[in-house]
């Protein structure tokens, strides 16, 4: 397990933040925006997360123990270290593809309702 800076192979870390941005925009300004636009904002941010995940999946070198991204050091006590971050490996990339892909389909389908 290695700690590294953000690289092209690991842009999947940005995917949750892109979706969070769409949720914040729709949550704060959704009532003042017409209906199809809010659906497009939600769908486009989820689609951006899916694209980031696909790019990361194909750029991931494979093998190894994965890559750790520490966003914040939360608690340190002796040998105990509790950090806030992400662990990116082959399994987590496949699961991120499934989740973002199905989430995108749900968002696009829900626009029709």
PDB file of N, CA and C in Angstrom:
ATOM      1  N   UNK A   1       0.852  -1.172   0.000  1.00  0.00           N
ATOM      2  CA  UNK A   1       0.000   0.000   0.000  1.00  0.00           C
ATOM      3  C   UNK A   1       0.898   1.236   0.000  1.00  0.00           C
ATOM      4  N   UNK A   2       0.704   2.090  -0.978  1.00  0.00           N
ATOM      5  CA  UNK A   2       1.534   3.270  -1.096  1.00  0.00           C
ATOM      6  C   UNK A   2       0.669   4.514  -1.009  1.00  0.00           C
ATOM      7  N   UNK A   3       1.267   5.576  -0.483  1.00  0.00           N
ATOM      8  CA  UNK A   3       0.615   6.875  -0.485  1.00  0.00           C
ATOM      9  C   UNK A   3       1.207   7.664  -1.634  1.00  0.00           C
ATOM     10  N   UNK A   4       0.361   8.352  -2.375  1.00  0.00           N
ATOM     11  CA  UNK A   4       0.843   9.067  -3.542  1.00  0.00           C
ATOM     12  C   UNK A   4       0.027  10.328  -3.771  1.00  0.00           C
ATOM     13  N   UNK A   5       0.577  11.191  -4.602  1.00  0.00           N
ATOM     14  CA  UNK A   5      -0.166  12.379  -5.002  1.00  0.00           C
ATOM     15  C   UNK A   5      -1.166  11.991  -6.080  1.00  0.00           C
ATOM     16  N   UNK A   6      -2.114  12.858  -6.338  1.00  0.00           N
ATOM     17  CA  UNK A   6      -3.137  12.590  -7.333  1.00  0.00           C
ATOM     18  C   UNK A   6      -2.505  12.498  -8.715  1.00  0.00           C
ATOM     19  N   UNK A   7      -2.749  11.395  -9.411  1.00  0.00           N
ATOM     20  CA  UNK A   7      -2.207  11.209 -10.748  1.00  0.00           C
ATOM     21  C   UNK A   7      -3.338  10.867 -11.704  1.00  0.00           C
ATOM     22  N   UNK A   8      -3.005  10.748 -12.981  1.00  0.00           N
ATOM     23  CA  UNK A   8      -4.017  10.448 -13.992  1.00  0.00           C
ATOM     24  C   UNK A   8      -4.672   9.097 -13.739  1.00  0.00           C
ATOM     25  N   UNK A   9      -3.935   8.168 -13.156  1.00  0.00           N
ATOM     26  CA  UNK A   9      -4.473   6.830 -12.909  1.00  0.00           C
ATOM     27  C   UNK A   9      -5.440   6.809 -11.737  1.00  0.00           C
ATOM     28  N   UNK A  10      -5.481   7.851 -10.958  1.00  0.00           N
ATOM     29  CA  UNK A  10      -6.280   7.811  -9.729  1.00  0.00           C
ATOM     30  C   UNK A  10      -7.199   9.021  -9.571  1.00  0.00           C
ATOM     31  N   UNK A  11      -7.729   9.504 -10.676  1.00  0.00           N
ATOM     32  CA  UNK A  11      -8.654  10.628 -10.608  1.00  0.00           C
ATOM     33  C   UNK A  11     -10.018  10.204 -10.086  1.00  0.00           C
ATOM     34  N   UNK A  12     -10.172   8.910  -9.822  1.00  0.00           N
ATOM     35  CA  UNK A  12     -11.433   8.417  -9.269  1.00  0.00           C
ATOM     36  C   UNK A  12     -11.727   9.044  -7.913  1.00  0.00           C
ATOM     37  N   UNK A  13     -10.718   9.554  -7.251  1.00  0.00           N
ATOM     38  CA  UNK A  13     -10.913  10.210  -5.963  1.00  0.00           C
ATOM     39  C   UNK A  13     -11.771  11.466  -6.124  1.00  0.00           C
ATOM     40  N   UNK A  14     -11.737  12.080  -7.301  1.00  0.00           N
ATOM     41  CA  UNK A  14     -12.521  13.293  -7.538  1.00  0.00           C
ATOM     42  C   UNK A  14     -13.996  13.007  -7.803  1.00  0.00           C
ATOM     43  N   UNK A  15     -14.346  11.790  -8.167  1.00  0.00           N
ATOM     44  CA  UNK A  15     -15.723  11.448  -8.545  1.00  0.00           C
ATOM     45  C   UNK A  15     -16.749  11.758  -7.454  1.00  0.00           C
ATOM     46  N   UNK A  16     -16.519  11.394  -6.197  1.00  0.00           N
ATOM     47  CA  UNK A  16     -17.525  11.744  -5.180  1.00  0.00           C
ATOM     48  C   UNK A  16     -17.686  13.247  -4.984  1.00  0.00           C
ATOM     49  N   UNK A  17     -16.617  13.994  -5.184  1.00  0.00           N
ATOM     50  CA  UNK A  17     -16.697  15.437  -4.993  1.00  0.00           C
ATOM     51  C   UNK A  17     -17.451  16.117  -6.127  1.00  0.00           C
ATOM     52  N   UNK A  18     -17.356  15.562  -7.342  1.00  0.00           N
ATOM     53  CA  UNK A  18     -18.126  16.103  -8.465  1.00  0.00           C
ATOM     54  C   UNK A  18     -19.610  15.873  -8.228  1.00  0.00           C
ATOM     55  N   UNK A  19     -19.969  14.672  -7.785  1.00  0.00           N
ATOM     56  CA  UNK A  19     -21.373  14.383  -7.481  1.00  0.00           C
ATOM     57  C   UNK A  19     -21.869  15.239  -6.313  1.00  0.00           C
ATOM     58  N   UNK A  20     -21.029  15.457  -5.328  1.00  0.00           N
ATOM     59  CA  UNK A  20     -21.397  16.314  -4.200  1.00  0.00           C
ATOM     60  C   UNK A  20     -21.641  17.744  -4.656  1.00  0.00           C
ATOM     61  N   UNK A  21     -20.844  18.224  -5.591  1.00  0.00           N
ATOM     62  CA  UNK A  21     -21.036  19.566  -6.138  1.00  0.00           C
ATOM     63  C   UNK A  21     -22.403  19.688  -6.807  1.00  0.00           C
ATOM     64  N   UNK A  22     -22.788  18.682  -7.586  1.00  0.00           N
ATOM     65  CA  UNK A  22     -24.105  18.698  -8.219  1.00  0.00           C
ATOM     66  C   UNK A  22     -25.231  18.678  -7.208  1.00  0.00           C
ATOM     67  N   UNK A  23     -25.057  17.902  -6.149  1.00  0.00           N
ATOM     68  CA  UNK A  23     -26.075  17.844  -5.101  1.00  0.00           C
ATOM     69  C   UNK A  23     -26.203  19.184  -4.376  1.00  0.00           C
ATOM     70  N   UNK A  24     -25.082  19.845  -4.123  1.00  0.00           N
ATOM     71  CA  UNK A  24     -25.112  21.146  -3.452  1.00  0.00           C
ATOM     72  C   UNK A  24     -25.778  22.194  -4.338  1.00  0.00           C
ATOM     73  N   UNK A  25     -25.419  22.212  -5.622  1.00  0.00           N
ATOM     74  CA  UNK A  25     -26.024  23.185  -6.544  1.00  0.00           C
ATOM     75  C   UNK A  25     -27.531  22.963  -6.641  1.00  0.00           C
ATOM     76  N   UNK A  26     -27.955  21.711  -6.813  1.00  0.00           N
ATOM     77  CA  UNK A  26     -29.391  21.444  -6.890  1.00  0.00           C
ATOM     78  C   UNK A  26     -30.091  21.675  -5.563  1.00  0.00           C
ATOM     79  N   UNK A  27     -29.420  21.399  -4.475  1.00  0.00           N
ATOM     80  CA  UNK A  27     -30.020  21.608  -3.163  1.00  0.00           C
ATOM     81  C   UNK A  27     -30.215  23.071  -2.825  1.00  0.00           C
ATOM     82  N   UNK A  28     -29.244  23.894  -3.185  1.00  0.00           N
ATOM     83  CA  UNK A  28     -29.326  25.312  -2.851  1.00  0.00           C
ATOM     84  C   UNK A  28     -30.145  26.126  -3.856  1.00  0.00           C
ATOM     85  N   UNK A  29     -30.008  25.788  -5.138  1.00  0.00           N
ATOM     86  CA  UNK A  29     -30.632  26.617  -6.170  1.00  0.00           C
ATOM     87  C   UNK A  29     -31.694  25.877  -6.981  1.00  0.00           C
ATOM     88  N   UNK A  30     -32.038  24.658  -6.599  1.00  0.00           N
ATOM     89  CA  UNK A  30     -32.942  23.831  -7.387  1.00  0.00           C
ATOM     90  C   UNK A  30     -34.345  24.380  -7.530  1.00  0.00           C
ATOM     91  N   UNK A  31     -34.856  25.038  -6.512  1.00  0.00           N
ATOM     92  CA  UNK A  31     -36.227  25.559  -6.594  1.00  0.00           C
ATOM     93  C   UNK A  31     -36.329  26.736  -7.562  1.00  0.00           C
ATOM     94  N   UNK A  32     -35.250  27.472  -7.730  1.00  0.00           N
ATOM     95  CA  UNK A  32     -35.279  28.627  -8.632  1.00  0.00           C
ATOM     96  C   UNK A  32     -34.967  28.272 -10.071  1.00  0.00           C
ATOM     97  N   UNK A  33     -34.570  27.043 -10.321  1.00  0.00           N
ATOM     98  CA  UNK A  33     -34.207  26.615 -11.670  1.00  0.00           C
ATOM     99  C   UNK A  33     -35.353  25.770 -12.222  1.00  0.00           C
ATOM    100  N   UNK A  34     -35.621  25.901 -13.516  1.00  0.00           N
ATOM    101  CA  UNK A  34     -36.673  25.093 -14.135  1.00  0.00           C
ATOM    102  C   UNK A  34     -36.328  23.616 -14.063  1.00  0.00           C
ATOM    103  N   UNK A  35     -37.368  22.782 -14.159  1.00  0.00           N
ATOM    104  CA  UNK A  35     -37.216  21.352 -13.899  1.00  0.00           C
ATOM    105  C   UNK A  35     -36.241  20.602 -14.799  1.00  0.00           C
ATOM    106  N   UNK A  36     -36.251  20.739 -16.118  1.00  0.00           N
ATOM    107  CA  UNK A  36     -35.304  19.907 -16.879  1.00  0.00           C
ATOM    108  C   UNK A  36     -33.845  20.264 -16.595  1.00  0.00           C
ATOM    109  N   UNK A  37     -33.590  21.503 -16.191  1.00  0.00           N
ATOM    110  CA  UNK A  37     -32.209  21.929 -15.943  1.00  0.00           C
ATOM    111  C   UNK A  37     -31.651  21.247 -14.695  1.00  0.00           C
ATOM    112  N   UNK A  38     -32.471  21.097 -13.665  1.00  0.00           N
ATOM    113  CA  UNK A  38     -31.983  20.421 -12.459  1.00  0.00           C
ATOM    114  C   UNK A  38     -31.636  18.968 -12.743  1.00  0.00           C
ATOM    115  N   UNK A  39     -32.430  18.309 -13.572  1.00  0.00           N
ATOM    116  CA  UNK A  39     -32.120  16.940 -13.965  1.00  0.00           C
ATOM    117  C   UNK A  39     -30.846  16.858 -14.785  1.00  0.00           C
ATOM    118  N   UNK A  40     -30.643  17.839 -15.649  1.00  0.00           N
ATOM    119  CA  UNK A  40     -29.409  17.865 -16.439  1.00  0.00           C
ATOM    120  C   UNK A  40     -28.183  18.127 -15.573  1.00  0.00           C
ATOM    121  N   UNK A  41     -28.318  18.977 -14.572  1.00  0.00           N
ATOM    122  CA  UNK A  41     -27.200  19.229 -13.655  1.00  0.00           C
ATOM    123  C   UNK A  41     -26.852  17.951 -12.898  1.00  0.00           C
ATOM    124  N   UNK A  42     -27.874  17.291 -12.365  1.00  0.00           N
ATOM    125  CA  UNK A  42     -27.638  16.057 -11.611  1.00  0.00           C
ATOM    126  C   UNK A  42     -27.039  14.976 -12.502  1.00  0.00           C
ATOM    127  N   UNK A  43     -27.604  14.803 -13.692  1.00  0.00           N
ATOM    128  CA  UNK A  43     -27.117  13.759 -14.595  1.00  0.00           C
ATOM    129  C   UNK A  43     -25.704  14.056 -15.097  1.00  0.00           C
ATOM    130  N   UNK A  44     -25.423  15.314 -15.378  1.00  0.00           N
ATOM    131  CA  UNK A  44     -24.093  15.646 -15.892  1.00  0.00           C
ATOM    132  C   UNK A  44     -23.009  15.487 -14.828  1.00  0.00           C
ATOM    133  N   UNK A  45     -23.322  15.780 -13.582  1.00  0.00           N
ATOM    134  CA  UNK A  45     -22.301  15.585 -12.551  1.00  0.00           C
ATOM    135  C   UNK A  45     -22.062  14.104 -12.279  1.00  0.00           C
ATOM    136  N   UNK A  46     -23.115  13.303 -12.339  1.00  0.00           N
ATOM    137  CA  UNK A  46     -22.938  11.858 -12.182  1.00  0.00           C
ATOM    138  C   UNK A  46     -22.193  11.296 -13.391  1.00  0.00           C
ATOM    139  N   UNK A  47     -22.490  11.819 -14.587  1.00  0.00           N
ATOM    140  CA  UNK A  47     -21.769  11.389 -15.788  1.00  0.00           C
ATOM    141  C   UNK A  47     -20.297  11.764 -15.710  1.00  0.00           C
ATOM    142  N   UNK A  48     -20.005  12.930 -15.166  1.00  0.00           N
ATOM    143  CA  UNK A  48     -18.599  13.328 -14.995  1.00  0.00           C
ATOM    144  C   UNK A  48     -17.887  12.389 -14.034  1.00  0.00           C
ATOM    145  N   UNK A  49     -18.558  11.989 -12.968  1.00  0.00           N
ATOM    146  CA  UNK A  49     -17.973  11.014 -12.053  1.00  0.00           C
ATOM    147  C   UNK A  49     -17.731   9.676 -12.723  1.00  0.00           C
ATOM    148  N   UNK A  50     -18.667   9.262 -13.593  1.00  0.00           N
ATOM    149  CA  UNK A  50     -18.497   8.012 -14.332  1.00  0.00           C
ATOM    150  C   UNK A  50     -17.313   8.103 -15.289  1.00  0.00           C
ATOM    151  N   UNK A  51     -17.170   9.226 -15.975  1.00  0.00           N
ATOM    152  CA  UNK A  51     -16.039   9.413 -16.892  1.00  0.00           C
ATOM    153  C   UNK A  51     -14.718   9.396 -16.125  1.00  0.00           C
ATOM    154  N   UNK A  52     -14.673  10.065 -14.991  1.00  0.00           N
ATOM    155  CA  UNK A  52     -13.456  10.044 -14.167  1.00  0.00           C
ATOM    156  C   UNK A  52     -13.120   8.622 -13.731  1.00  0.00           C
ATOM    157  N   UNK A  53     -14.136   7.845 -13.406  1.00  0.00           N
ATOM    158  CA  UNK A  53     -13.914   6.464 -12.990  1.00  0.00           C
ATOM    159  C   UNK A  53     -13.427   5.609 -14.148  1.00  0.00           C
ATOM    160  N   UNK A  54     -13.981   5.800 -15.336  1.00  0.00           N
ATOM    161  CA  UNK A  54     -13.529   5.044 -16.514  1.00  0.00           C
ATOM    162  C   UNK A  54     -12.080   5.381 -16.846  1.00  0.00           C
ATOM    163  N   UNK A  55     -11.740   6.667 -16.813  1.00  0.00           N
ATOM    164  CA  UNK A  55     -10.350   7.078 -17.076  1.00  0.00           C
ATOM    165  C   UNK A  55      -9.413   6.447 -16.061  1.00  0.00           C
ATOM    166  N   UNK A  56      -9.800   6.477 -14.813  1.00  0.00           N
ATOM    167  CA  UNK A  56      -8.973   5.903 -13.764  1.00  0.00           C
ATOM    168  C   UNK A  56      -8.853   4.392 -13.910  1.00  0.00           C
ATOM    169  N   UNK A  57      -9.937   3.729 -14.316  1.00  0.00           N
ATOM    170  CA  UNK A  57      -9.918   2.274 -14.485  1.00  0.00           C
ATOM    171  C   UNK A  57      -8.926   1.863 -15.571  1.00  0.00           C
ATOM    172  N   UNK A  58      -8.942   2.558 -16.699  1.00  0.00           N
ATOM    173  CA  UNK A  58      -8.041   2.188 -17.790  1.00  0.00           C
ATOM    174  C   UNK A  58      -6.609   2.656 -17.565  1.00  0.00           C
ATOM    175  N   UNK A  59      -6.410   3.646 -16.715  1.00  0.00           N
ATOM    176  CA  UNK A  59      -5.058   4.128 -16.439  1.00  0.00           C
ATOM    177  C   UNK A  59      -4.407   3.434 -15.249  1.00  0.00           C
ATOM    178  N   UNK A  60      -5.187   2.650 -14.509  1.00  0.00           N
ATOM    179  CA  UNK A  60      -4.644   1.975 -13.329  1.00  0.00           C
ATOM    180  C   UNK A  60      -3.636   0.917 -13.773  1.00  0.00           C
ATOM    181  N   UNK A  61      -2.452   0.904 -13.178  1.00  0.00           N
ATOM    182  CA  UNK A  61      -1.420  -0.021 -13.641  1.00  0.00           C
ATOM    183  C   UNK A  61      -1.681  -1.475 -13.288  1.00  0.00           C
ATOM    184  N   UNK A  62      -2.523  -1.755 -12.329  1.00  0.00           N
ATOM    185  CA  UNK A  62      -2.816  -3.133 -11.934  1.00  0.00           C
ATOM    186  C   UNK A  62      -1.763  -3.669 -10.991  1.00  0.00           C
ATOM    187  N   UNK A  63      -2.120  -4.774 -10.374  1.00  0.00           N
ATOM    188  CA  UNK A  63      -1.203  -5.388  -9.416  1.00  0.00           C
ATOM    189  C   UNK A  63      -1.005  -4.530  -8.184  1.00  0.00           C
ATOM    190  N   UNK A  64      -0.184  -4.995  -7.309  1.00  0.00           N
ATOM    191  CA  UNK A  64       0.136  -4.231  -6.113  1.00  0.00           C
ATOM    192  C   UNK A  64      -0.981  -4.235  -5.097  1.00  0.00           C
ATOM    193  N   UNK A  65      -0.782  -3.475  -4.061  1.00  0.00           N
ATOM    194  CA  UNK A  65      -1.731  -3.417  -2.956  1.00  0.00           C
ATOM    195  C   UNK A  65      -2.725  -2.279  -3.082  1.00  0.00           C
ATOM    196  N   UNK A  66      -2.581  -1.445  -4.064  1.00  0.00           N
ATOM    197  CA  UNK A  66      -3.470  -0.307  -4.214  1.00  0.00           C
ATOM    198  C   UNK A  66      -2.786   0.982  -3.796  1.00  0.00           C
ATOM    199  N   UNK A  67      -3.515   2.054  -3.918  1.00  0.00           N
ATOM    200  CA  UNK A  67      -2.995   3.386  -3.608  1.00  0.00           C
ATOM    201  C   UNK A  67      -3.879   4.009  -2.546  1.00  0.00           C
ATOM    202  N   UNK A  68      -3.240   4.588  -1.546  1.00  0.00           N
ATOM    203  CA  UNK A  68      -3.953   5.244  -0.448  1.00  0.00           C
ATOM    204  C   UNK A  68      -3.878   6.747  -0.607  1.00  0.00           C
ATOM    205  N   UNK A  69      -5.016   7.412  -0.511  1.00  0.00           N
ATOM    206  CA  UNK A  69      -5.075   8.871  -0.537  1.00  0.00           C
ATOM    207  C   UNK A  69      -5.567   9.341   0.815  1.00  0.00           C
ATOM    208  N   UNK A  70      -4.718  10.022   1.534  1.00  0.00           N
ATOM    209  CA  UNK A  70      -5.095  10.542   2.849  1.00  0.00           C
ATOM    210  C   UNK A  70      -5.503  11.999   2.676  1.00  0.00           C
ATOM    211  N   UNK A  71      -6.775  12.281   2.976  1.00  0.00           N
ATOM    212  CA  UNK A  71      -7.270  13.644   2.874  1.00  0.00           C
ATOM    213  C   UNK A  71      -7.001  14.441   4.147  1.00  0.00           C
ATOM    214  N   UNK A  72      -7.076  13.770   5.287  1.00  0.00           N
ATOM    215  CA  UNK A  72      -6.840  14.449   6.558  1.00  0.00           C
ATOM    216  C   UNK A  72      -6.358  13.439   7.593  1.00  0.00           C
ATOM    217  N   UNK A  73      -5.416  13.858   8.391  1.00  0.00           N
ATOM    218  CA  UNK A  73      -4.964  13.043   9.518  1.00  0.00           C
ATOM    219  C   UNK A  73      -5.911  13.340  10.678  1.00  0.00           C
ATOM    220  N   UNK A  74      -6.648  12.328  11.099  1.00  0.00           N
ATOM    221  CA  UNK A  74      -7.708  12.555  12.080  1.00  0.00           C
ATOM    222  C   UNK A  74      -7.230  12.330  13.506  1.00  0.00           C
ATOM    223  N   UNK A  75      -6.598  11.196  13.753  1.00  0.00           N
ATOM    224  CA  UNK A  75      -6.232  10.858  15.116  1.00  0.00           C
ATOM    225  C   UNK A  75      -4.920  10.086  15.105  1.00  0.00           C
ATOM    226  N   UNK A  76      -4.010  10.485  15.951  1.00  0.00           N
ATOM    227  CA  UNK A  76      -2.748   9.769  16.110  1.00  0.00           C
ATOM    228  C   UNK A  76      -2.520   9.538  17.595  1.00  0.00           C
ATOM    229  N   UNK A  77      -2.290   8.271  17.931  1.00  0.00           N
ATOM    230  CA  UNK A  77      -1.994   7.910  19.314  1.00  0.00           C
ATOM    231  C   UNK A  77      -1.066   6.699  19.284  1.00  0.00           C
ATOM    232  N   UNK A  78       0.205   6.933  19.482  1.00  0.00           N
ATOM    233  CA  UNK A  78       1.165   5.842  19.443  1.00  0.00           C
ATOM    234  C   UNK A  78       1.225   5.219  18.060  1.00  0.00           C
ATOM    235  N   UNK A  79       0.965   3.919  17.974  1.00  0.00           N
ATOM    236  CA  UNK A  79       0.963   3.222  16.695  1.00  0.00           C
ATOM    237  C   UNK A  79      -0.384   3.318  15.979  1.00  0.00           C
ATOM    238  N   UNK A  80      -1.403   3.812  16.659  1.00  0.00           N
ATOM    239  CA  UNK A  80      -2.729   3.939  16.069  1.00  0.00           C
ATOM    240  C   UNK A  80      -2.811   5.193  15.217  1.00  0.00           C
ATOM    241  N   UNK A  81      -3.288   5.034  13.994  1.00  0.00           N
ATOM    242  CA  UNK A  81      -3.466   6.164  13.091  1.00  0.00           C
ATOM    243  C   UNK A  81      -4.813   6.032  12.403  1.00  0.00           C
ATOM    244  N   UNK A  82      -5.708   6.975  12.666  1.00  0.00           N
ATOM    245  CA  UNK A  82      -7.018   6.986  12.040  1.00  0.00           C
ATOM    246  C   UNK A  82      -7.035   8.162  11.068  1.00  0.00           C
ATOM    247  N   UNK A  83      -7.100   7.846   9.768  1.00  0.00           N
ATOM    248  CA  UNK A  83      -7.047   8.874   8.736  1.00  0.00           C
ATOM    249  C   UNK A  83      -8.342   8.886   7.941  1.00  0.00           C
ATOM    250  N   UNK A  84      -8.655  10.042   7.376  1.00  0.00           N
ATOM    251  CA  UNK A  84      -9.782  10.184   6.474  1.00  0.00           C
ATOM    252  C   UNK A  84      -9.225  10.186   5.066  1.00  0.00           C
ATOM    253  N   UNK A  85      -9.692   9.251   4.224  1.00  0.00           N
ATOM    254  CA  UNK A  85      -9.157   9.191   2.873  1.00  0.00           C
ATOM    255  C   UNK A  85      -9.796   8.098   2.044  1.00  0.00           C
ATOM    256  N   UNK A  86      -9.109   7.744   0.964  1.00  0.00           N
ATOM    257  CA  UNK A  86      -9.578   6.742   0.020  1.00  0.00           C
ATOM    258  C   UNK A  86      -8.514   5.686  -0.183  1.00  0.00           C
ATOM    259  N   UNK A  87      -8.970   4.474  -0.452  1.00  0.00           N
ATOM    260  CA  UNK A  87      -8.104   3.370  -0.849  1.00  0.00           C
ATOM    261  C   UNK A  87      -8.531   2.954  -2.247  1.00  0.00           C
ATOM    262  N   UNK A  88      -7.642   3.064  -3.219  1.00  0.00           N
ATOM    263  CA  UNK A  88      -7.969   2.736  -4.598  1.00  0.00           C
ATOM    264  C   UNK A  88      -7.182   1.503  -5.005  1.00  0.00           C
ATOM    265  N   UNK A  89      -7.927   0.440  -5.353  1.00  0.00           N
ATOM    266  CA  UNK A  89      -7.317  -0.765  -5.901  1.00  0.00           C
ATOM    267  C   UNK A  89      -8.231  -1.285  -7.002  1.00  0.00           C
ATOM    268  N   UNK A  90      -7.926  -2.457  -7.541  1.00  0.00           N
ATOM    269  CA  UNK A  90      -8.693  -2.978  -8.664  1.00  0.00           C
ATOM    270  C   UNK A  90     -10.154  -3.224  -8.300  1.00  0.00           C
ATOM    271  N   UNK A  91     -10.404  -3.791  -7.156  1.00  0.00           N
ATOM    272  CA  UNK A  91     -11.776  -4.076  -6.748  1.00  0.00           C
ATOM    273  C   UNK A  91     -12.574  -2.797  -6.527  1.00  0.00           C
ATOM    274  N   UNK A  92     -11.969  -1.809  -5.876  1.00  0.00           N
ATOM    275  CA  UNK A  92     -12.702  -0.566  -5.635  1.00  0.00           C
ATOM    276  C   UNK A  92     -12.984   0.171  -6.946  1.00  0.00           C
ATOM    277  N   UNK A  93     -12.112   0.046  -7.941  1.00  0.00           N
ATOM    278  CA  UNK A  93     -12.370   0.667  -9.234  1.00  0.00           C
ATOM    279  C   UNK A  93     -13.531  -0.013  -9.957  1.00  0.00           C
ATOM    280  N   UNK A  94     -13.595  -1.333  -9.898  1.00  0.00           N
ATOM    281  CA  UNK A  94     -14.712  -2.048 -10.522  1.00  0.00           C
ATOM    282  C   UNK A  94     -16.021  -1.670  -9.837  1.00  0.00           C
ATOM    283  N   UNK A  95     -16.013  -1.616  -8.519  1.00  0.00           N
ATOM    284  CA  UNK A  95     -17.227  -1.239  -7.791  1.00  0.00           C
ATOM    285  C   UNK A  95     -17.618   0.208  -8.083  1.00  0.00           C
ATOM    286  N   UNK A  96     -16.641   1.094  -8.218  1.00  0.00           N
ATOM    287  CA  UNK A  96     -16.941   2.484  -8.562  1.00  0.00           C
ATOM    288  C   UNK A  96     -17.540   2.579  -9.959  1.00  0.00           C
ATOM    289  N   UNK A  97     -17.071   1.750 -10.893  1.00  0.00           N
ATOM    290  CA  UNK A  97     -17.669   1.715 -12.232  1.00  0.00           C
ATOM    291  C   UNK A  97     -19.124   1.269 -12.177  1.00  0.00           C
ATOM    292  N   UNK A  98     -19.396   0.237 -11.410  1.00  0.00           N
ATOM    293  CA  UNK A  98     -20.765  -0.262 -11.299  1.00  0.00           C
ATOM    294  C   UNK A  98     -21.661   0.789 -10.659  1.00  0.00           C
ATOM    295  N   UNK A  99     -21.226   1.378  -9.578  1.00  0.00           N
ATOM    296  CA  UNK A  99     -22.049   2.345  -8.849  1.00  0.00           C
ATOM    297  C   UNK A  99     -22.294   3.600  -9.668  1.00  0.00           C
ATOM    298  N   UNK A 100     -21.256   4.158 -10.274  1.00  0.00           N
ATOM    299  CA  UNK A 100     -21.450   5.380 -11.052  1.00  0.00           C
ATOM    300  C   UNK A 100     -22.209   5.104 -12.341  1.00  0.00           C
ATOM    301  N   UNK A 101     -21.994   3.947 -12.955  1.00  0.00           N
ATOM    302  CA  UNK A 101     -22.728   3.607 -14.171  1.00  0.00           C
ATOM    303  C   UNK A 101     -24.208   3.414 -13.919  1.00  0.00           C
ATOM    304  N   UNK A 102     -24.556   2.659 -12.900  1.00  0.00           N
ATOM    305  CA  UNK A 102     -25.969   2.451 -12.560  1.00  0.00           C
ATOM    306  C   UNK A 102     -26.587   3.758 -12.070  1.00  0.00           C
ATOM    307  N   UNK A 103     -25.841   4.527 -11.298  1.00  0.00           N
ATOM    308  CA  UNK A 103     -26.342   5.829 -10.833  1.00  0.00           C
ATOM    309  C   UNK A 103     -26.633   6.765 -11.989  1.00  0.00           C
ATOM    310  N   UNK A 104     -25.786   6.743 -13.015  1.00  0.00           N
ATOM    311  CA  UNK A 104     -26.026   7.575 -14.193  1.00  0.00           C
ATOM    312  C   UNK A 104     -27.299   7.130 -14.914  1.00  0.00           C
ATOM    313  N   UNK A 105     -27.470   5.830 -15.070  1.00  0.00           N
ATOM    314  CA  UNK A 105     -28.688   5.331 -15.720  1.00  0.00           C
ATOM    315  C   UNK A 105     -29.939   5.705 -14.938  1.00  0.00           C
ATOM    316  N   UNK A 106     -29.875   5.645 -13.620  1.00  0.00           N
ATOM    317  CA  UNK A 106     -31.013   6.024 -12.788  1.00  0.00           C
ATOM    318  C   UNK A 106     -31.328   7.508 -12.944  1.00  0.00           C
ATOM    319  N   UNK A 107     -30.297   8.337 -12.950  1.00  0.00           N
ATOM    320  CA  UNK A 107     -30.520   9.779 -13.103  1.00  0.00           C
ATOM    321  C   UNK A 107     -31.130  10.107 -14.463  1.00  0.00           C
ATOM    322  N   UNK A 108     -30.614   9.503 -15.520  1.00  0.00           N
ATOM    323  CA  UNK A 108     -31.146   9.770 -16.854  1.00  0.00           C
ATOM    324  C   UNK A 108     -32.583   9.268 -16.962  1.00  0.00           C
ATOM    325  N   UNK A 109     -32.848   8.095 -16.422  1.00  0.00           N
ATOM    326  CA  UNK A 109     -34.204   7.537 -16.469  1.00  0.00           C
ATOM    327  C   UNK A 109     -35.181   8.396 -15.669  1.00  0.00           C
ATOM    328  N   UNK A 110     -34.742   8.964 -14.560  1.00  0.00           N
ATOM    329  CA  UNK A 110     -35.642   9.736 -13.700  1.00  0.00           C
ATOM    330  C   UNK A 110     -36.031  11.077 -14.317  1.00  0.00           C
ATOM    331  N   UNK A 111     -35.285  11.545 -15.294  1.00  0.00           N
ATOM    332  CA  UNK A 111     -35.655  12.803 -15.956  1.00  0.00           C
ATOM    333  C   UNK A 111     -36.988  12.660 -16.679  1.00  0.00           C
ATOM    334  N   UNK A 112     -37.279  11.449 -17.160  1.00  0.00           N
ATOM    335  CA  UNK A 112     -38.524  11.217 -17.878  1.00  0.00           C
ATOM    336  C   UNK A 112     -39.761  11.244 -16.994  1.00  0.00           C
ATOM    337  N   UNK A 113     -39.589  11.154 -15.696  1.00  0.00           N
ATOM    338  CA  UNK A 113     -40.745  11.172 -14.799  1.00  0.00           C
ATOM    339  C   UNK A 113     -41.178  12.558 -14.467  1.00  0.00           C
TER     340      UNK A 113
END
